């Protein structure tokens, strides 16, 4: 089995005609490698048998079972929390009454104004085991900072993330920008090091505007996505959409040949498809030519700030938090696609 770097954390088409210009944020930086695992003796000399069965990548990886974590108490069998502030639970309040919805208990994750900025510095909740092909969702509300600090440079994310030494990054994101809670940013990252491959879509949900839908490598923009890579071509506006005003359910379905991002607006039951990306070769020569991650990752929600990476033409978000703003998570769910995961293991898919 190939060595795995299991660090967590967190990282779009021009609608028919034209749209607002959007600068894609930089991806989450790759973590440093873990110390090498000591190799066990093979018990004999390699005879060079070309017919021996090839090693299956990740054959010993344990995948998480289906779960729904409703944060009704202070313990969880599926998730873990890190880092903690000063060794206490300042960041995490499980089973806390919601600040915006009666009779709802939530996980409150609070950003610490004394934290250093950057992805991975704020509160995070993540699965203890890997996840893979499946359906992911969470019901969340981001903080309303319009009056207290309208230019807060912070983001709340729901994503899968891991980096493997050989196969590179595996990341699928939904991000909500605190200073502009009408915007939903969607992306997937594959590849290695500074030459990460990206597919991304940015939507103003209140206007129903697809601001951008594109792909690229590293800091280079390769082009706009078209046809089946860029569906739906238009999205009906949720006129009162504000990710800080109400809870909404955000999710995505991860399959080998497509990623479908969606939202269930507050008070509704039907999914609104935000992006149904169907894989097509964009990054030839890579382990994930379609831009869809091909290896397991950890399922994570996080809340962090930056004074540089989130600033773009949609927002002046350049300020570190002045107060311990809160992210509310009602629940997180994961439903594995068992048939696809079993097939991947049986075929030794990369």
C-alpha atoms as a PDB file:
ATOM      1  CA  UNK A   1       0.000   0.000   0.000  1.00  0.00           C
ATOM      2  CA  UNK A   2       1.217   3.390  -0.958  1.00  0.00           C
ATOM      3  CA  UNK A   3       2.052   5.785   1.830  1.00  0.00           C
ATOM      4  CA  UNK A   4      -0.713   8.213   2.703  1.00  0.00           C
ATOM      5  CA  UNK A   5      -0.365  11.689   3.995  1.00  0.00           C
ATOM      6  CA  UNK A   6      -3.539  12.034   6.001  1.00  0.00           C
ATOM      7  CA  UNK A   7      -3.614  15.699   6.823  1.00  0.00           C
ATOM      8  CA  UNK A   8      -7.014  17.325   6.840  1.00  0.00           C
ATOM      9  CA  UNK A   9      -8.095  20.485   5.578  1.00  0.00           C
ATOM     10  CA  UNK A  10      -8.825  23.061   3.424  1.00  0.00           C
ATOM     11  CA  UNK A  11      -9.549  24.730  -1.048  1.00  0.00           C
ATOM     12  CA  UNK A  12     -16.610  27.604 -12.795  1.00  0.00           C
ATOM     13  CA  UNK A  13     -18.069  28.395 -16.580  1.00  0.00           C
ATOM     14  CA  UNK A  14     -18.980  31.769 -17.779  1.00  0.00           C
ATOM     15  CA  UNK A  15     -22.825  31.778 -18.043  1.00  0.00           C
ATOM     16  CA  UNK A  16     -24.107  32.103 -21.582  1.00  0.00           C
ATOM     17  CA  UNK A  17     -22.921  35.462 -22.702  1.00  0.00           C
ATOM     18  CA  UNK A  18     -20.821  36.874 -19.890  1.00  0.00           C
ATOM     19  CA  UNK A  19     -20.594  37.093 -16.116  1.00  0.00           C
ATOM     20  CA  UNK A  20     -18.809  38.899 -13.345  1.00  0.00           C
ATOM     21  CA  UNK A  21     -15.069  38.402 -13.205  1.00  0.00           C
ATOM     22  CA  UNK A  22     -13.915  36.219 -10.336  1.00  0.00           C
ATOM     23  CA  UNK A  23     -10.413  35.460  -9.133  1.00  0.00           C
ATOM     24  CA  UNK A  24     -10.079  31.837  -8.070  1.00  0.00           C
ATOM     25  CA  UNK A  25      -8.594  31.512  -4.577  1.00  0.00           C
ATOM     26  CA  UNK A  26      -5.416  29.545  -4.090  1.00  0.00           C
ATOM     27  CA  UNK A  27      -5.853  25.884  -3.090  1.00  0.00           C
ATOM     28  CA  UNK A  28      -5.061  24.586   0.334  1.00  0.00           C
ATOM     29  CA  UNK A  29      -1.285  24.097   0.580  1.00  0.00           C
ATOM     30  CA  UNK A  30      -0.092  20.475   0.606  1.00  0.00           C
ATOM     31  CA  UNK A  31       0.945  19.287   4.058  1.00  0.00           C
ATOM     32  CA  UNK A  32       4.458  18.081   4.915  1.00  0.00           C
ATOM     33  CA  UNK A  33       4.966  14.327   4.548  1.00  0.00           C
ATOM     34  CA  UNK A  34       4.717  12.043   7.544  1.00  0.00           C
ATOM     35  CA  UNK A  35       7.808  10.089   8.650  1.00  0.00           C
ATOM     36  CA  UNK A  36       8.311   7.038   6.447  1.00  0.00           C
ATOM     37  CA  UNK A  37       6.772   3.789   7.600  1.00  0.00           C
ATOM     38  CA  UNK A  38       9.360   1.143   8.336  1.00  0.00           C
ATOM     39  CA  UNK A  39       9.342  -1.531   5.684  1.00  0.00           C
ATOM     40  CA  UNK A  40       8.850  -5.129   6.771  1.00  0.00           C
ATOM     41  CA  UNK A  41      11.303  -7.763   5.496  1.00  0.00           C
ATOM     42  CA  UNK A  42       9.957  -9.540   2.449  1.00  0.00           C
ATOM     43  CA  UNK A  43      11.302 -12.878   3.677  1.00  0.00           C
ATOM     44  CA  UNK A  44      13.120 -13.714   0.518  1.00  0.00           C
ATOM     45  CA  UNK A  45      14.766 -12.542  -2.657  1.00  0.00           C
ATOM     46  CA  UNK A  46      12.632 -11.043  -5.394  1.00  0.00           C
ATOM     47  CA  UNK A  47      12.591 -13.544  -8.233  1.00  0.00           C
ATOM     48  CA  UNK A  48      11.304 -10.998 -10.712  1.00  0.00           C
ATOM     49  CA  UNK A  49       8.132 -12.960 -11.402  1.00  0.00           C
ATOM     50  CA  UNK A  50       6.233 -10.803 -13.862  1.00  0.00           C
ATOM     51  CA  UNK A  51       3.053 -12.793 -13.284  1.00  0.00           C
ATOM     52  CA  UNK A  52       2.746 -11.965  -9.595  1.00  0.00           C
ATOM     53  CA  UNK A  53      -0.433 -10.145  -8.576  1.00  0.00           C
ATOM     54  CA  UNK A  54       0.073  -6.339  -8.532  1.00  0.00           C
ATOM     55  CA  UNK A  55      -0.383  -4.445  -5.291  1.00  0.00           C
ATOM     56  CA  UNK A  56      -3.781  -2.773  -4.927  1.00  0.00           C
ATOM     57  CA  UNK A  57      -3.446   0.876  -3.890  1.00  0.00           C
ATOM     58  CA  UNK A  58      -5.055   1.582  -0.515  1.00  0.00           C
ATOM     59  CA  UNK A  59      -6.162  -2.020  -0.124  1.00  0.00           C
ATOM     60  CA  UNK A  60      -5.920  -1.767   3.679  1.00  0.00           C
ATOM     61  CA  UNK A  61      -7.740   1.555   4.023  1.00  0.00           C
ATOM     62  CA  UNK A  62     -10.771   1.482   6.314  1.00  0.00           C
ATOM     63  CA  UNK A  63     -13.709   3.472   4.982  1.00  0.00           C
ATOM     64  CA  UNK A  64     -16.281   5.106   7.238  1.00  0.00           C
ATOM     65  CA  UNK A  65     -19.718   3.555   7.441  1.00  0.00           C
ATOM     66  CA  UNK A  66     -22.899   5.483   6.737  1.00  0.00           C
ATOM     67  CA  UNK A  67     -23.658   7.988   9.473  1.00  0.00           C
ATOM     68  CA  UNK A  68     -25.612  11.062  10.505  1.00  0.00           C
ATOM     69  CA  UNK A  69     -24.069  13.133  13.289  1.00  0.00           C
ATOM     70  CA  UNK A  70     -26.663  15.475  14.806  1.00  0.00           C
ATOM     71  CA  UNK A  71     -24.395  16.855  17.553  1.00  0.00           C
ATOM     72  CA  UNK A  72     -27.017  16.175  20.197  1.00  0.00           C
ATOM     73  CA  UNK A  73     -24.360  15.439  22.812  1.00  0.00           C
ATOM     74  CA  UNK A  74     -20.654  15.974  23.373  1.00  0.00           C
ATOM     75  CA  UNK A  75     -19.418  12.695  21.944  1.00  0.00           C
ATOM     76  CA  UNK A  76     -19.238  11.316  18.443  1.00  0.00           C
ATOM     77  CA  UNK A  77     -18.270   7.916  17.139  1.00  0.00           C
ATOM     78  CA  UNK A  78     -17.558   9.151  13.626  1.00  0.00           C
ATOM     79  CA  UNK A  79     -15.926  12.569  14.002  1.00  0.00           C
ATOM     80  CA  UNK A  80     -12.991  14.187  15.734  1.00  0.00           C
ATOM     81  CA  UNK A  81     -12.196  17.811  16.474  1.00  0.00           C
ATOM     82  CA  UNK A  82      -8.907  19.664  15.997  1.00  0.00           C
ATOM     83  CA  UNK A  83      -7.186  21.867  16.765  1.00  0.00           C
ATOM     84  CA  UNK A  84      -8.349  23.087  20.153  1.00  0.00           C
ATOM     85  CA  UNK A  85      -7.638  26.549  21.492  1.00  0.00           C
ATOM     86  CA  UNK A  86      -5.309  26.572  24.474  1.00  0.00           C
ATOM     87  CA  UNK A  87      -6.246  22.988  25.279  1.00  0.00           C
ATOM     88  CA  UNK A  88      -9.897  23.813  26.062  1.00  0.00           C
ATOM     89  CA  UNK A  89     -13.196  23.589  24.186  1.00  0.00           C
ATOM     90  CA  UNK A  90     -13.521  27.274  23.319  1.00  0.00           C
ATOM     91  CA  UNK A  91     -13.985  26.392  19.656  1.00  0.00           C
ATOM     92  CA  UNK A  92     -16.533  23.594  20.015  1.00  0.00           C
ATOM     93  CA  UNK A  93     -19.928  23.529  21.739  1.00  0.00           C
ATOM     94  CA  UNK A  94     -21.842  20.349  20.909  1.00  0.00           C
ATOM     95  CA  UNK A  95     -25.556  20.291  21.694  1.00  0.00           C
ATOM     96  CA  UNK A  96     -25.679  24.103  21.967  1.00  0.00           C
ATOM     97  CA  UNK A  97     -29.059  25.812  21.280  1.00  0.00           C
ATOM     98  CA  UNK A  98     -29.048  27.478  17.885  1.00  0.00           C
ATOM     99  CA  UNK A  99     -28.756  31.277  17.883  1.00  0.00           C
ATOM    100  CA  UNK A 100     -31.124  31.576  14.933  1.00  0.00           C
ATOM    101  CA  UNK A 101     -33.603  28.685  15.043  1.00  0.00           C
ATOM    102  CA  UNK A 102     -35.773  27.606  17.973  1.00  0.00           C
ATOM    103  CA  UNK A 103     -35.695  24.009  19.223  1.00  0.00           C
ATOM    104  CA  UNK A 104     -32.544  23.212  17.248  1.00  0.00           C
ATOM    105  CA  UNK A 105     -29.341  22.030  18.892  1.00  0.00           C
ATOM    106  CA  UNK A 106     -26.134  22.464  16.966  1.00  0.00           C
ATOM    107  CA  UNK A 107     -22.372  22.159  16.936  1.00  0.00           C
ATOM    108  CA  UNK A 108     -21.133  25.710  17.377  1.00  0.00           C
ATOM    109  CA  UNK A 109     -17.632  26.209  15.988  1.00  0.00           C
ATOM    110  CA  UNK A 110     -16.044  29.522  16.894  1.00  0.00           C
ATOM    111  CA  UNK A 111     -13.080  31.203  15.265  1.00  0.00           C
ATOM    112  CA  UNK A 112     -10.512  32.517  17.751  1.00  0.00           C
ATOM    113  CA  UNK A 113      -9.397  36.140  17.109  1.00  0.00           C
ATOM    114  CA  UNK A 114      -5.960  35.272  18.501  1.00  0.00           C
ATOM    115  CA  UNK A 115      -5.339  32.542  15.924  1.00  0.00           C
ATOM    116  CA  UNK A 116      -2.794  32.839  13.174  1.00  0.00           C
ATOM    117  CA  UNK A 117      -4.440  33.177   9.789  1.00  0.00           C
ATOM    118  CA  UNK A 118      -4.584  30.424   7.221  1.00  0.00           C
ATOM    119  CA  UNK A 119      -6.275  27.234   6.221  1.00  0.00           C
ATOM    120  CA  UNK A 120      -6.027  24.683   9.017  1.00  0.00           C
ATOM    121  CA  UNK A 121      -5.704  27.256  11.816  1.00  0.00           C
ATOM    122  CA  UNK A 122      -9.373  27.481  12.725  1.00  0.00           C
ATOM    123  CA  UNK A 123     -11.778  24.931  14.215  1.00  0.00           C
ATOM    124  CA  UNK A 124     -12.351  21.751  12.225  1.00  0.00           C
ATOM    125  CA  UNK A 125     -14.427  18.626  12.550  1.00  0.00           C
ATOM    126  CA  UNK A 126     -13.487  15.603  10.457  1.00  0.00           C
ATOM    127  CA  UNK A 127     -14.171  11.899  10.099  1.00  0.00           C
ATOM    128  CA  UNK A 128     -11.927   9.463  11.952  1.00  0.00           C
ATOM    129  CA  UNK A 129     -11.900   7.159   8.904  1.00  0.00           C
ATOM    130  CA  UNK A 130     -11.570   7.765   5.195  1.00  0.00           C
ATOM    131  CA  UNK A 131     -14.620   8.341   3.014  1.00  0.00           C
ATOM    132  CA  UNK A 132     -14.917   7.782  -0.718  1.00  0.00           C
ATOM    133  CA  UNK A 133     -17.606   7.606  -3.384  1.00  0.00           C
ATOM    134  CA  UNK A 134     -20.848   8.620  -1.733  1.00  0.00           C
ATOM    135  CA  UNK A 135     -23.285  11.383  -0.848  1.00  0.00           C
ATOM    136  CA  UNK A 136     -22.169  14.115   1.583  1.00  0.00           C
ATOM    137  CA  UNK A 137     -24.311  16.811   3.182  1.00  0.00           C
ATOM    138  CA  UNK A 138     -24.584  19.179   6.124  1.00  0.00           C
ATOM    139  CA  UNK A 139     -27.154  21.654   7.397  1.00  0.00           C
ATOM    140  CA  UNK A 140     -25.304  24.851   8.293  1.00  0.00           C
ATOM    141  CA  UNK A 141     -25.590  28.573   8.956  1.00  0.00           C
ATOM    142  CA  UNK A 142     -22.620  30.932   8.756  1.00  0.00           C
ATOM    143  CA  UNK A 143     -22.333  33.965  11.082  1.00  0.00           C
ATOM    144  CA  UNK A 144     -23.888  37.292  10.165  1.00  0.00           C
ATOM    145  CA  UNK A 145     -21.042  39.796  10.454  1.00  0.00           C
ATOM    146  CA  UNK A 146     -22.535  42.665   8.437  1.00  0.00           C
ATOM    147  CA  UNK A 147     -22.809  45.010  11.421  1.00  0.00           C
ATOM    148  CA  UNK A 148     -19.971  43.745  13.592  1.00  0.00           C
ATOM    149  CA  UNK A 149     -17.332  43.336  10.855  1.00  0.00           C
ATOM    150  CA  UNK A 150     -18.505  43.445   7.250  1.00  0.00           C
ATOM    151  CA  UNK A 151     -15.019  42.907   5.772  1.00  0.00           C
ATOM    152  CA  UNK A 152     -14.147  39.789   7.758  1.00  0.00           C
ATOM    153  CA  UNK A 153     -11.806  37.614   5.693  1.00  0.00           C
ATOM    154  CA  UNK A 154     -13.195  34.208   6.650  1.00  0.00           C
ATOM    155  CA  UNK A 155     -14.673  31.126   5.017  1.00  0.00           C
ATOM    156  CA  UNK A 156     -16.734  28.143   6.149  1.00  0.00           C
ATOM    157  CA  UNK A 157     -16.137  24.969   4.206  1.00  0.00           C
ATOM    158  CA  UNK A 158     -17.615  21.514   3.743  1.00  0.00           C
ATOM    159  CA  UNK A 159     -15.245  19.237   1.868  1.00  0.00           C
ATOM    160  CA  UNK A 160     -13.269  16.019   1.443  1.00  0.00           C
ATOM    161  CA  UNK A 161      -9.494  16.281   1.681  1.00  0.00           C
ATOM    162  CA  UNK A 162      -6.318  14.191   1.715  1.00  0.00           C
ATOM    163  CA  UNK A 163      -2.956  14.096  -0.040  1.00  0.00           C
ATOM    164  CA  UNK A 164      -1.197  10.917  -1.144  1.00  0.00           C
ATOM    165  CA  UNK A 165       2.519  10.814  -1.896  1.00  0.00           C
ATOM    166  CA  UNK A 166       2.050   9.070  -5.254  1.00  0.00           C
ATOM    167  CA  UNK A 167      -1.461   9.954  -6.426  1.00  0.00           C
ATOM    168  CA  UNK A 168      -1.586  13.517  -5.181  1.00  0.00           C
ATOM    169  CA  UNK A 169      -4.479  15.546  -3.819  1.00  0.00           C
ATOM    170  CA  UNK A 170      -8.078  14.443  -3.330  1.00  0.00           C
ATOM    171  CA  UNK A 171     -10.337  17.418  -2.536  1.00  0.00           C
ATOM    172  CA  UNK A 172     -13.958  18.362  -3.217  1.00  0.00           C
ATOM    173  CA  UNK A 173     -15.218  21.677  -1.763  1.00  0.00           C
ATOM    174  CA  UNK A 174     -18.259  23.730  -0.935  1.00  0.00           C
ATOM    175  CA  UNK A 175     -17.219  27.112   0.456  1.00  0.00           C
ATOM    176  CA  UNK A 176     -19.251  29.987   1.878  1.00  0.00           C
ATOM    177  CA  UNK A 177     -17.602  33.410   2.108  1.00  0.00           C
ATOM    178  CA  UNK A 178     -18.615  35.124   5.353  1.00  0.00           C
ATOM    179  CA  UNK A 179     -18.420  38.673   3.983  1.00  0.00           C
ATOM    180  CA  UNK A 180     -20.638  37.820   1.008  1.00  0.00           C
ATOM    181  CA  UNK A 181     -23.081  35.086   2.084  1.00  0.00           C
ATOM    182  CA  UNK A 182     -24.982  35.103  -1.214  1.00  0.00           C
ATOM    183  CA  UNK A 183     -22.018  33.419  -2.940  1.00  0.00           C
ATOM    184  CA  UNK A 184     -21.413  29.656  -3.126  1.00  0.00           C
ATOM    185  CA  UNK A 185     -18.001  28.488  -4.345  1.00  0.00           C
ATOM    186  CA  UNK A 186     -17.604  24.896  -5.632  1.00  0.00           C
ATOM    187  CA  UNK A 187     -14.375  23.178  -6.632  1.00  0.00           C
ATOM    188  CA  UNK A 188     -12.385  19.958  -6.893  1.00  0.00           C
ATOM    189  CA  UNK A 189      -8.587  19.658  -6.690  1.00  0.00           C
ATOM    190  CA  UNK A 190      -6.282  16.907  -7.921  1.00  0.00           C
ATOM    191  CA  UNK A 191      -2.593  16.647  -8.816  1.00  0.00           C
ATOM    192  CA  UNK A 192       0.573  17.324  -6.839  1.00  0.00           C
ATOM    193  CA  UNK A 193       2.467  20.142  -5.173  1.00  0.00           C
ATOM    194  CA  UNK A 194       2.204  23.586  -6.710  1.00  0.00           C
ATOM    195  CA  UNK A 195       0.830  22.174  -9.969  1.00  0.00           C
ATOM    196  CA  UNK A 196      -2.603  21.279  -8.656  1.00  0.00           C
ATOM    197  CA  UNK A 197      -5.407  20.799 -11.156  1.00  0.00           C
ATOM    198  CA  UNK A 198      -8.657  22.635 -10.455  1.00  0.00           C
ATOM    199  CA  UNK A 199     -12.235  22.612 -11.686  1.00  0.00           C
ATOM    200  CA  UNK A 200     -14.444  25.289 -10.111  1.00  0.00           C
ATOM    201  CA  UNK A 201     -17.774  27.074 -10.309  1.00  0.00           C
ATOM    202  CA  UNK A 202     -18.911  30.204  -8.471  1.00  0.00           C
ATOM    203  CA  UNK A 203     -22.593  31.094  -8.075  1.00  0.00           C
ATOM    204  CA  UNK A 204     -24.490  34.088  -6.742  1.00  0.00           C
ATOM    205  CA  UNK A 205     -27.449  32.149  -5.375  1.00  0.00           C
ATOM    206  CA  UNK A 206     -29.549  35.221  -4.584  1.00  0.00           C
ATOM    207  CA  UNK A 207     -29.374  36.301  -8.243  1.00  0.00           C
ATOM    208  CA  UNK A 208     -29.199  32.867  -9.837  1.00  0.00           C
ATOM    209  CA  UNK A 209     -26.027  33.987 -11.609  1.00  0.00           C
ATOM    210  CA  UNK A 210     -23.224  31.629 -12.597  1.00  0.00           C
ATOM    211  CA  UNK A 211     -20.315  33.990 -12.116  1.00  0.00           C
ATOM    212  CA  UNK A 212     -17.621  31.674 -13.404  1.00  0.00           C
ATOM    213  CA  UNK A 213     -17.017  28.046 -14.348  1.00  0.00           C
ATOM    214  CA  UNK A 214     -13.454  27.177 -15.302  1.00  0.00           C
ATOM    215  CA  UNK A 215     -10.435  24.920 -14.921  1.00  0.00           C
ATOM    216  CA  UNK A 216      -6.713  25.380 -14.617  1.00  0.00           C
ATOM    217  CA  UNK A 217      -3.391  24.136 -13.273  1.00  0.00           C
ATOM    218  CA  UNK A 218      -1.453  25.874 -10.546  1.00  0.00           C
ATOM    219  CA  UNK A 219      -2.028  29.616 -10.966  1.00  0.00           C
ATOM    220  CA  UNK A 220      -2.668  29.274 -14.709  1.00  0.00           C
ATOM    221  CA  UNK A 221      -6.196  29.538 -16.076  1.00  0.00           C
ATOM    222  CA  UNK A 222      -6.649  26.891 -18.789  1.00  0.00           C
ATOM    223  CA  UNK A 223     -10.127  27.808 -19.970  1.00  0.00           C
ATOM    224  CA  UNK A 224     -13.861  27.895 -19.439  1.00  0.00           C
ATOM    225  CA  UNK A 225     -15.857  24.702 -19.064  1.00  0.00           C
ATOM    226  CA  UNK A 226     -18.520  23.980 -21.658  1.00  0.00           C
ATOM    227  CA  UNK A 227     -21.223  21.508 -22.653  1.00  0.00           C
ATOM    228  CA  UNK A 228     -21.673  18.553 -20.266  1.00  0.00           C
ATOM    229  CA  UNK A 229     -19.004  19.933 -17.931  1.00  0.00           C
ATOM    230  CA  UNK A 230     -21.087  22.996 -17.303  1.00  0.00           C
ATOM    231  CA  UNK A 231     -24.593  21.870 -16.382  1.00  0.00           C
ATOM    232  CA  UNK A 232     -27.031  23.219 -15.483  1.00  0.00           C
ATOM    233  CA  UNK A 233     -26.416  26.200 -17.735  1.00  0.00           C
ATOM    234  CA  UNK A 234     -28.655  28.366 -15.580  1.00  0.00           C
ATOM    235  CA  UNK A 235     -29.897  28.257 -12.000  1.00  0.00           C
ATOM    236  CA  UNK A 236     -33.134  29.649 -10.624  1.00  0.00           C
ATOM    237  CA  UNK A 237     -32.455  32.331  -8.048  1.00  0.00           C
ATOM    238  CA  UNK A 238     -33.371  31.946  -4.396  1.00  0.00           C
ATOM    239  CA  UNK A 239     -34.259  35.611  -4.046  1.00  0.00           C
ATOM    240  CA  UNK A 240     -33.791  35.793  -0.291  1.00  0.00           C
ATOM    241  CA  UNK A 241     -30.762  33.511  -0.149  1.00  0.00           C
ATOM    242  CA  UNK A 242     -28.340  34.491   2.580  1.00  0.00           C
ATOM    243  CA  UNK A 243     -26.187  31.762   4.103  1.00  0.00           C
ATOM    244  CA  UNK A 244     -25.953  33.801   7.314  1.00  0.00           C
ATOM    245  CA  UNK A 245     -29.704  34.346   7.773  1.00  0.00           C
ATOM    246  CA  UNK A 246     -30.995  30.781   7.760  1.00  0.00           C
ATOM    247  CA  UNK A 247     -29.907  27.175   7.791  1.00  0.00           C
ATOM    248  CA  UNK A 248     -29.609  25.514   4.390  1.00  0.00           C
ATOM    249  CA  UNK A 249     -28.550  21.983   3.498  1.00  0.00           C
ATOM    250  CA  UNK A 250     -25.424  21.833   1.307  1.00  0.00           C
ATOM    251  CA  UNK A 251     -24.185  18.632  -0.298  1.00  0.00           C
ATOM    252  CA  UNK A 252     -22.476  16.798  -3.131  1.00  0.00           C
ATOM    253  CA  UNK A 253     -22.498  13.308  -4.627  1.00  0.00           C
ATOM    254  CA  UNK A 254     -19.085  11.900  -5.590  1.00  0.00           C
ATOM    255  CA  UNK A 255     -18.876   9.214  -8.281  1.00  0.00           C
ATOM    256  CA  UNK A 256     -15.992   8.070 -10.494  1.00  0.00           C
ATOM    257  CA  UNK A 257     -17.340   9.898 -13.557  1.00  0.00           C
ATOM    258  CA  UNK A 258     -19.210  12.852 -12.053  1.00  0.00           C
ATOM    259  CA  UNK A 259     -19.611  15.168  -9.069  1.00  0.00           C
ATOM    260  CA  UNK A 260     -23.020  16.700  -8.442  1.00  0.00           C
ATOM    261  CA  UNK A 261     -23.157  19.653  -6.032  1.00  0.00           C
ATOM    262  CA  UNK A 262     -26.575  20.671  -4.669  1.00  0.00           C
ATOM    263  CA  UNK A 263     -28.486  22.645  -2.050  1.00  0.00           C
ATOM    264  CA  UNK A 264     -31.803  22.162  -0.267  1.00  0.00           C
ATOM    265  CA  UNK A 265     -32.999  25.660   0.676  1.00  0.00           C
ATOM    266  CA  UNK A 266     -34.380  26.302   4.132  1.00  0.00           C
ATOM    267  CA  UNK A 267     -37.940  25.018   4.473  1.00  0.00           C
ATOM    268  CA  UNK A 268     -37.800  23.041   1.209  1.00  0.00           C
ATOM    269  CA  UNK A 269     -37.394  19.318   0.503  1.00  0.00           C
ATOM    270  CA  UNK A 270     -36.278  19.289  -3.137  1.00  0.00           C
ATOM    271  CA  UNK A 271     -32.628  19.525  -4.149  1.00  0.00           C
ATOM    272  CA  UNK A 272     -31.500  22.379  -6.355  1.00  0.00           C
ATOM    273  CA  UNK A 273     -28.593  21.176  -8.498  1.00  0.00           C
ATOM    274  CA  UNK A 274     -25.770  23.724  -8.432  1.00  0.00           C
ATOM    275  CA  UNK A 275     -23.366  21.881 -10.723  1.00  0.00           C
ATOM    276  CA  UNK A 276     -23.520  18.461 -12.346  1.00  0.00           C
ATOM    277  CA  UNK A 277     -19.931  18.062 -13.501  1.00  0.00           C
ATOM    278  CA  UNK A 278     -19.506  15.042 -15.789  1.00  0.00           C
ATOM    279  CA  UNK A 279     -15.921  14.024 -16.212  1.00  0.00           C
ATOM    280  CA  UNK A 280     -14.041  14.688 -19.430  1.00  0.00           C
ATOM    281  CA  UNK A 281     -10.292  14.571 -19.962  1.00  0.00           C
ATOM    282  CA  UNK A 282      -8.889  17.976 -19.087  1.00  0.00           C
ATOM    283  CA  UNK A 283      -5.558  17.090 -17.495  1.00  0.00           C
ATOM    284  CA  UNK A 284      -3.861  14.489 -19.658  1.00  0.00           C
ATOM    285  CA  UNK A 285      -1.004  12.588 -18.084  1.00  0.00           C
ATOM    286  CA  UNK A 286      -2.333  12.985 -14.535  1.00  0.00           C
ATOM    287  CA  UNK A 287      -3.795  10.335 -12.238  1.00  0.00           C
ATOM    288  CA  UNK A 288      -7.130  12.156 -12.391  1.00  0.00           C
ATOM    289  CA  UNK A 289      -7.462  13.385 -15.994  1.00  0.00           C
ATOM    290  CA  UNK A 290     -11.100  14.441 -15.614  1.00  0.00           C
ATOM    291  CA  UNK A 291     -10.381  16.527 -12.515  1.00  0.00           C
ATOM    292  CA  UNK A 292     -12.475  14.208 -10.340  1.00  0.00           C
ATOM    293  CA  UNK A 293     -10.528  12.897  -7.316  1.00  0.00           C
ATOM    294  CA  UNK A 294      -9.719   9.186  -7.543  1.00  0.00           C
ATOM    295  CA  UNK A 295      -8.589   8.261  -4.024  1.00  0.00           C
ATOM    296  CA  UNK A 296     -10.244   8.270  -0.568  1.00  0.00           C
ATOM    297  CA  UNK A 297     -10.196  11.373   1.638  1.00  0.00           C
ATOM    298  CA  UNK A 298     -11.458  12.654   4.982  1.00  0.00           C
ATOM    299  CA  UNK A 299     -14.839  14.360   5.244  1.00  0.00           C
ATOM    300  CA  UNK A 300     -14.429  17.717   6.966  1.00  0.00           C
ATOM    301  CA  UNK A 301     -16.075  20.980   7.959  1.00  0.00           C
ATOM    302  CA  UNK A 302     -13.893  23.928   8.943  1.00  0.00           C
ATOM    303  CA  UNK A 303     -13.958  27.644   9.719  1.00  0.00           C
ATOM    304  CA  UNK A 304     -10.835  29.769   9.209  1.00  0.00           C
ATOM    305  CA  UNK A 305      -9.676  33.239   8.241  1.00  0.00           C
ATOM    306  CA  UNK A 306      -7.173  34.920   5.939  1.00  0.00           C
ATOM    307  CA  UNK A 307      -6.290  38.548   5.226  1.00  0.00           C
ATOM    308  CA  UNK A 308      -5.051  37.810   1.714  1.00  0.00           C
ATOM    309  CA  UNK A 309      -6.372  34.626   0.109  1.00  0.00           C
ATOM    310  CA  UNK A 310     -10.078  35.472   0.234  1.00  0.00           C
ATOM    311  CA  UNK A 311      -9.826  39.033  -1.068  1.00  0.00           C
ATOM    312  CA  UNK A 312     -11.095  39.365  -4.643  1.00  0.00           C
ATOM    313  CA  UNK A 313     -13.362  41.506  -6.791  1.00  0.00           C
ATOM    314  CA  UNK A 314     -16.468  40.192  -5.069  1.00  0.00           C
ATOM    315  CA  UNK A 315     -15.430  41.277  -1.599  1.00  0.00           C
ATOM    316  CA  UNK A 316     -13.035  43.444   0.366  1.00  0.00           C
ATOM    317  CA  UNK A 317     -12.591  40.641   2.886  1.00  0.00           C
ATOM    318  CA  UNK A 318      -9.150  41.435   4.241  1.00  0.00           C
ATOM    319  CA  UNK A 319      -9.687  41.684   7.993  1.00  0.00           C
ATOM    320  CA  UNK A 320      -8.787  39.190  10.698  1.00  0.00           C
ATOM    321  CA  UNK A 321     -11.678  38.443  13.078  1.00  0.00           C
ATOM    322  CA  UNK A 322     -12.161  40.919  15.896  1.00  0.00           C
ATOM    323  CA  UNK A 323     -14.661  38.713  17.706  1.00  0.00           C
ATOM    324  CA  UNK A 324     -15.232  34.944  18.187  1.00  0.00           C
ATOM    325  CA  UNK A 325     -17.777  34.559  15.383  1.00  0.00           C
ATOM    326  CA  UNK A 326     -19.716  31.311  15.265  1.00  0.00           C
ATOM    327  CA  UNK A 327     -20.490  28.732  12.574  1.00  0.00           C
ATOM    328  CA  UNK A 328     -23.576  26.620  13.338  1.00  0.00           C
ATOM    329  CA  UNK A 329     -23.796  23.013  12.100  1.00  0.00           C
ATOM    330  CA  UNK A 330     -27.106  21.248  12.709  1.00  0.00           C
ATOM    331  CA  UNK A 331     -25.892  17.904  11.343  1.00  0.00           C
ATOM    332  CA  UNK A 332     -23.468  16.182   8.962  1.00  0.00           C
ATOM    333  CA  UNK A 333     -24.216  13.021   6.973  1.00  0.00           C
ATOM    334  CA  UNK A 334     -22.317  10.577   4.788  1.00  0.00           C
ATOM    335  CA  UNK A 335     -23.895   7.803   2.699  1.00  0.00           C
ATOM    336  CA  UNK A 336     -21.303   5.660   0.888  1.00  0.00           C
ATOM    337  CA  UNK A 337     -21.999   4.283  -2.566  1.00  0.00           C
ATOM    338  CA  UNK A 338     -21.054   0.748  -1.538  1.00  0.00           C
ATOM    339  CA  UNK A 339     -21.195  -0.774  -5.010  1.00  0.00           C
ATOM    340  CA  UNK A 340     -18.784   1.814  -6.435  1.00  0.00           C
ATOM    341  CA  UNK A 341     -16.402   1.559  -3.493  1.00  0.00           C
ATOM    342  CA  UNK A 342     -16.399  -2.245  -3.604  1.00  0.00           C
ATOM    343  CA  UNK A 343     -15.711  -2.166  -7.330  1.00  0.00           C
ATOM    344  CA  UNK A 344     -12.805   0.221  -6.766  1.00  0.00           C
ATOM    345  CA  UNK A 345     -11.244  -2.118  -4.211  1.00  0.00           C
ATOM    346  CA  UNK A 346     -11.805  -5.225  -6.357  1.00  0.00           C
ATOM    347  CA  UNK A 347     -10.261  -3.665  -9.443  1.00  0.00           C
ATOM    348  CA  UNK A 348      -7.430  -1.940  -7.592  1.00  0.00           C
ATOM    349  CA  UNK A 349      -8.492   1.426  -8.962  1.00  0.00           C
ATOM    350  CA  UNK A 350      -6.225   4.414  -8.504  1.00  0.00           C
END
